[in-house]
Structures are given as C-alpha cells and as structure tokens.
C-alpha cells in the first residue's frame, strides 16, 4: 500500500515513492509470516473457523499473512455445522487443524481489579 507517512525521512530510503495528485507516497510492502499459530472456538476439518471474543481481532489477519496456518480449536465439528454467516475465517487460509478440547484458559477470564464497596 502507499502511504504519505515517512516521505522525506529515513523510512523512505530505498523504497519506491510515487506522486498521486501532487502528493508523494511511500510504497510499504505487506508483512509476511512463515507460520501463524491461532486458536479458535470451533472449526471443521476443512479449516473453517469461528473465534471466541477477542481472538477474532487479529487471528484472521495473521492467518491470511502466513504461508502456513495451524489452528488449535476447542471443538472440532462436522462439515456444515458452522453456519456460513458464523465463519470468521474460511478454510482456504488454514493448513492444519488440531482439536484441544481440554485445556486451561487462565488469560481469558482473569479479573484485573475488583469492585469493592459496591457501585
């Protein structure tokens, strides 16, 4: 993508700079990863995934940026059990699926402060 951020600085050195409507933009290439290790609430054997809460924020993005995506799922379900409207990441981006039904989730439900004294 092209961005005006960094034009005329060391960030732009060695990168393509183009002019669009009288304004200069620096070409920034997408970040790639060799592997993405992600976790989902449900998945099928084709890799269609449904995430739980905040896992939906970055997991789909990381999966699409990686050459190989490995998904750990809480529940491995049959094909068609996940409604198409509930698929957060299509299986085209997932290369391996592992069901890990019994595990500890200490970070997902941790309370960082308590409400003492009511209200």
C-alpha atoms as a PDB file:
ATOM      1  CA  UNK A   1       0.000   0.000   0.000  1.00  0.00           C
ATOM      2  CA  UNK A   2       1.057   3.598  -0.496  1.00  0.00           C
ATOM      3  CA  UNK A   3       1.210   5.939   2.480  1.00  0.00           C
ATOM      4  CA  UNK A   4       2.313   9.539   2.927  1.00  0.00           C
ATOM      5  CA  UNK A   5       3.796   8.585   6.301  1.00  0.00           C
ATOM      6  CA  UNK A   6       7.583   8.581   6.174  1.00  0.00           C
ATOM      7  CA  UNK A   7       8.011  10.579   2.956  1.00  0.00           C
ATOM      8  CA  UNK A   8      11.252  12.557   3.126  1.00  0.00           C
ATOM      9  CA  UNK A   9      12.601  10.572   6.107  1.00  0.00           C
ATOM     10  CA  UNK A  10      14.963   7.616   6.545  1.00  0.00           C
ATOM     11  CA  UNK A  11      11.874   5.382   6.448  1.00  0.00           C
ATOM     12  CA  UNK A  12      11.523   6.125   2.727  1.00  0.00           C
ATOM     13  CA  UNK A  13      15.170   5.412   1.845  1.00  0.00           C
ATOM     14  CA  UNK A  14      15.433   2.657  -0.753  1.00  0.00           C
ATOM     15  CA  UNK A  15      11.668   2.427  -1.201  1.00  0.00           C
ATOM     16  CA  UNK A  16       9.508   3.374  -4.156  1.00  0.00           C
ATOM     17  CA  UNK A  17       7.993   6.860  -3.854  1.00  0.00           C
ATOM     18  CA  UNK A  18       5.174   7.915  -6.185  1.00  0.00           C
ATOM     19  CA  UNK A  19       3.212  11.065  -6.727  1.00  0.00           C
ATOM     20  CA  UNK A  20      -0.590  10.900  -6.576  1.00  0.00           C
ATOM     21  CA  UNK A  21      -2.428  14.154  -7.288  1.00  0.00           C
ATOM     22  CA  UNK A  22       0.561  16.264  -6.265  1.00  0.00           C
ATOM     23  CA  UNK A  23       1.306  14.400  -3.016  1.00  0.00           C
ATOM     24  CA  UNK A  24       4.143  11.902  -2.509  1.00  0.00           C
ATOM     25  CA  UNK A  25       3.511   8.427  -1.096  1.00  0.00           C
ATOM     26  CA  UNK A  26       5.909   5.657   0.011  1.00  0.00           C
ATOM     27  CA  UNK A  27       5.249   2.047  -1.001  1.00  0.00           C
ATOM     28  CA  UNK A  28       5.075  -0.215   2.070  1.00  0.00           C
ATOM     29  CA  UNK A  29       5.001  -3.940   1.387  1.00  0.00           C
ATOM     30  CA  UNK A  30       2.786  -6.257   3.415  1.00  0.00           C
ATOM     31  CA  UNK A  31       4.296  -8.155   6.319  1.00  0.00           C
ATOM     32  CA  UNK A  32       4.512 -11.913   5.817  1.00  0.00           C
ATOM     33  CA  UNK A  33       4.978 -14.762   8.267  1.00  0.00           C
ATOM     34  CA  UNK A  34       6.151 -18.328   7.788  1.00  0.00           C
ATOM     35  CA  UNK A  35       3.733 -19.665  10.397  1.00  0.00           C
ATOM     36  CA  UNK A  36       0.631 -18.452  12.202  1.00  0.00           C
ATOM     37  CA  UNK A  37      -0.420 -20.364  15.307  1.00  0.00           C
ATOM     38  CA  UNK A  38      -4.000 -19.396  16.091  1.00  0.00           C
ATOM     39  CA  UNK A  39      -6.753 -20.593  18.385  1.00  0.00           C
ATOM     40  CA  UNK A  40     -10.455 -20.799  17.599  1.00  0.00           C
ATOM     41  CA  UNK A  41     -13.596 -21.816  19.465  1.00  0.00           C
ATOM     42  CA  UNK A  42     -14.909 -24.105  16.702  1.00  0.00           C
ATOM     43  CA  UNK A  43     -13.539 -25.461  13.469  1.00  0.00           C
ATOM     44  CA  UNK A  44     -14.244 -28.155  10.900  1.00  0.00           C
ATOM     45  CA  UNK A  45     -11.787 -30.425   9.101  1.00  0.00           C
ATOM     46  CA  UNK A  46     -11.655 -28.031   6.129  1.00  0.00           C
ATOM     47  CA  UNK A  47     -10.349 -25.307   8.462  1.00  0.00           C
ATOM     48  CA  UNK A  48     -13.412 -23.061   8.555  1.00  0.00           C
ATOM     49  CA  UNK A  49     -13.101 -21.328  11.926  1.00  0.00           C
ATOM     50  CA  UNK A  50     -15.243 -19.431  14.412  1.00  0.00           C
ATOM     51  CA  UNK A  51     -13.353 -17.422  17.037  1.00  0.00           C
ATOM     52  CA  UNK A  52     -14.276 -16.561  20.609  1.00  0.00           C
ATOM     53  CA  UNK A  53     -14.393 -12.904  21.633  1.00  0.00           C
ATOM     54  CA  UNK A  54     -11.110 -11.009  21.167  1.00  0.00           C
ATOM     55  CA  UNK A  55      -9.423 -13.879  19.295  1.00  0.00           C
ATOM     56  CA  UNK A  56     -11.356 -12.528  16.311  1.00  0.00           C
ATOM     57  CA  UNK A  57      -9.343  -9.289  16.341  1.00  0.00           C
ATOM     58  CA  UNK A  58      -6.019 -10.487  14.944  1.00  0.00           C
ATOM     59  CA  UNK A  59      -6.270 -14.220  14.269  1.00  0.00           C
ATOM     60  CA  UNK A  60      -7.873 -13.880  10.808  1.00  0.00           C
ATOM     61  CA  UNK A  61      -5.331 -11.225   9.826  1.00  0.00           C
ATOM     62  CA  UNK A  62      -2.389 -13.365  10.924  1.00  0.00           C
ATOM     63  CA  UNK A  63      -3.781 -16.413   9.143  1.00  0.00           C
ATOM     64  CA  UNK A  64      -4.061 -14.537   5.851  1.00  0.00           C
ATOM     65  CA  UNK A  65      -0.495 -13.180   6.202  1.00  0.00           C
ATOM     66  CA  UNK A  66       1.170 -16.550   6.859  1.00  0.00           C
ATOM     67  CA  UNK A  67       2.466 -19.168   4.477  1.00  0.00           C
ATOM     68  CA  UNK A  68       1.265 -21.916   6.856  1.00  0.00           C
ATOM     69  CA  UNK A  69      -1.540 -21.550   9.403  1.00  0.00           C
ATOM     70  CA  UNK A  70      -2.047 -24.056  12.212  1.00  0.00           C
ATOM     71  CA  UNK A  71      -5.315 -23.724  14.143  1.00  0.00           C
ATOM     72  CA  UNK A  72      -5.997 -25.126  17.600  1.00  0.00           C
ATOM     73  CA  UNK A  73      -9.743 -25.488  18.128  1.00  0.00           C
ATOM     74  CA  UNK A  74     -11.752 -26.120  21.287  1.00  0.00           C
ATOM     75  CA  UNK A  75     -14.314 -28.117  19.311  1.00  0.00           C
ATOM     76  CA  UNK A  76     -13.808 -29.922  16.019  1.00  0.00           C
ATOM     77  CA  UNK A  77     -17.215 -30.186  14.360  1.00  0.00           C
ATOM     78  CA  UNK A  78     -18.577 -31.817  11.230  1.00  0.00           C
ATOM     79  CA  UNK A  79     -18.705 -30.049   7.885  1.00  0.00           C
ATOM     80  CA  UNK A  80     -21.751 -27.804   7.692  1.00  0.00           C
ATOM     81  CA  UNK A  81     -22.217 -27.471  11.466  1.00  0.00           C
ATOM     82  CA  UNK A  82     -20.847 -23.924  11.419  1.00  0.00           C
ATOM     83  CA  UNK A  83     -23.367 -21.613   9.800  1.00  0.00           C
ATOM     84  CA  UNK A  84     -21.708 -19.828   6.841  1.00  0.00           C
ATOM     85  CA  UNK A  85     -22.573 -16.482   8.460  1.00  0.00           C
ATOM     86  CA  UNK A  86     -20.612 -17.557  11.562  1.00  0.00           C
ATOM     87  CA  UNK A  87     -17.379 -18.464   9.744  1.00  0.00           C
ATOM     88  CA  UNK A  88     -14.837 -15.833  10.780  1.00  0.00           C
ATOM     89  CA  UNK A  89     -12.001 -17.361   8.735  1.00  0.00           C
ATOM     90  CA  UNK A  90     -12.517 -19.567   5.672  1.00  0.00           C
ATOM     91  CA  UNK A  91     -10.583 -22.803   5.472  1.00  0.00           C
ATOM     92  CA  UNK A  92      -8.632 -21.609   2.418  1.00  0.00           C
ATOM     93  CA  UNK A  93      -6.242 -19.874   4.838  1.00  0.00           C
ATOM     94  CA  UNK A  94      -5.857 -22.820   7.263  1.00  0.00           C
ATOM     95  CA  UNK A  95      -3.429 -25.673   6.616  1.00  0.00           C
ATOM     96  CA  UNK A  96      -3.718 -27.777   9.785  1.00  0.00           C
ATOM     97  CA  UNK A  97      -6.442 -28.126  12.451  1.00  0.00           C
ATOM     98  CA  UNK A  98      -5.895 -29.640  15.902  1.00  0.00           C
ATOM     99  CA  UNK A  99      -8.646 -30.236  18.434  1.00  0.00           C
ATOM    100  CA  UNK A 100      -7.565 -29.476  22.005  1.00  0.00           C
ATOM    101  CA  UNK A 101     -10.812 -29.726  23.952  1.00  0.00           C
ATOM    102  CA  UNK A 102      -9.423 -29.943  27.483  1.00  0.00           C
ATOM    103  CA  UNK A 103      -7.094 -27.068  28.377  1.00  0.00           C
ATOM    104  CA  UNK A 104      -6.712 -24.206  30.822  1.00  0.00           C
ATOM    105  CA  UNK A 105      -7.617 -20.630  29.799  1.00  0.00           C
ATOM    106  CA  UNK A 106      -6.101 -18.501  32.560  1.00  0.00           C
ATOM    107  CA  UNK A 107      -5.847 -15.337  30.472  1.00  0.00           C
ATOM    108  CA  UNK A 108      -9.360 -15.304  29.010  1.00  0.00           C
ATOM    109  CA  UNK A 109     -11.231 -14.863  32.268  1.00  0.00           C
ATOM    110  CA  UNK A 110      -8.717 -13.100  34.515  1.00  0.00           C
ATOM    111  CA  UNK A 111     -10.046 -10.198  36.557  1.00  0.00           C
ATOM    112  CA  UNK A 112      -7.628  -7.294  36.768  1.00  0.00           C
ATOM    113  CA  UNK A 113      -9.397  -5.358  39.510  1.00  0.00           C
ATOM    114  CA  UNK A 114     -12.221  -5.879  41.947  1.00  0.00           C
ATOM    115  CA  UNK A 115     -15.161  -3.645  42.745  1.00  0.00           C
ATOM    116  CA  UNK A 116     -15.013  -3.255  46.496  1.00  0.00           C
ATOM    117  CA  UNK A 117     -17.611  -1.211  48.339  1.00  0.00           C
ATOM    118  CA  UNK A 118     -20.368  -1.644  45.732  1.00  0.00           C
ATOM    119  CA  UNK A 119     -21.272   0.744  42.883  1.00  0.00           C
END
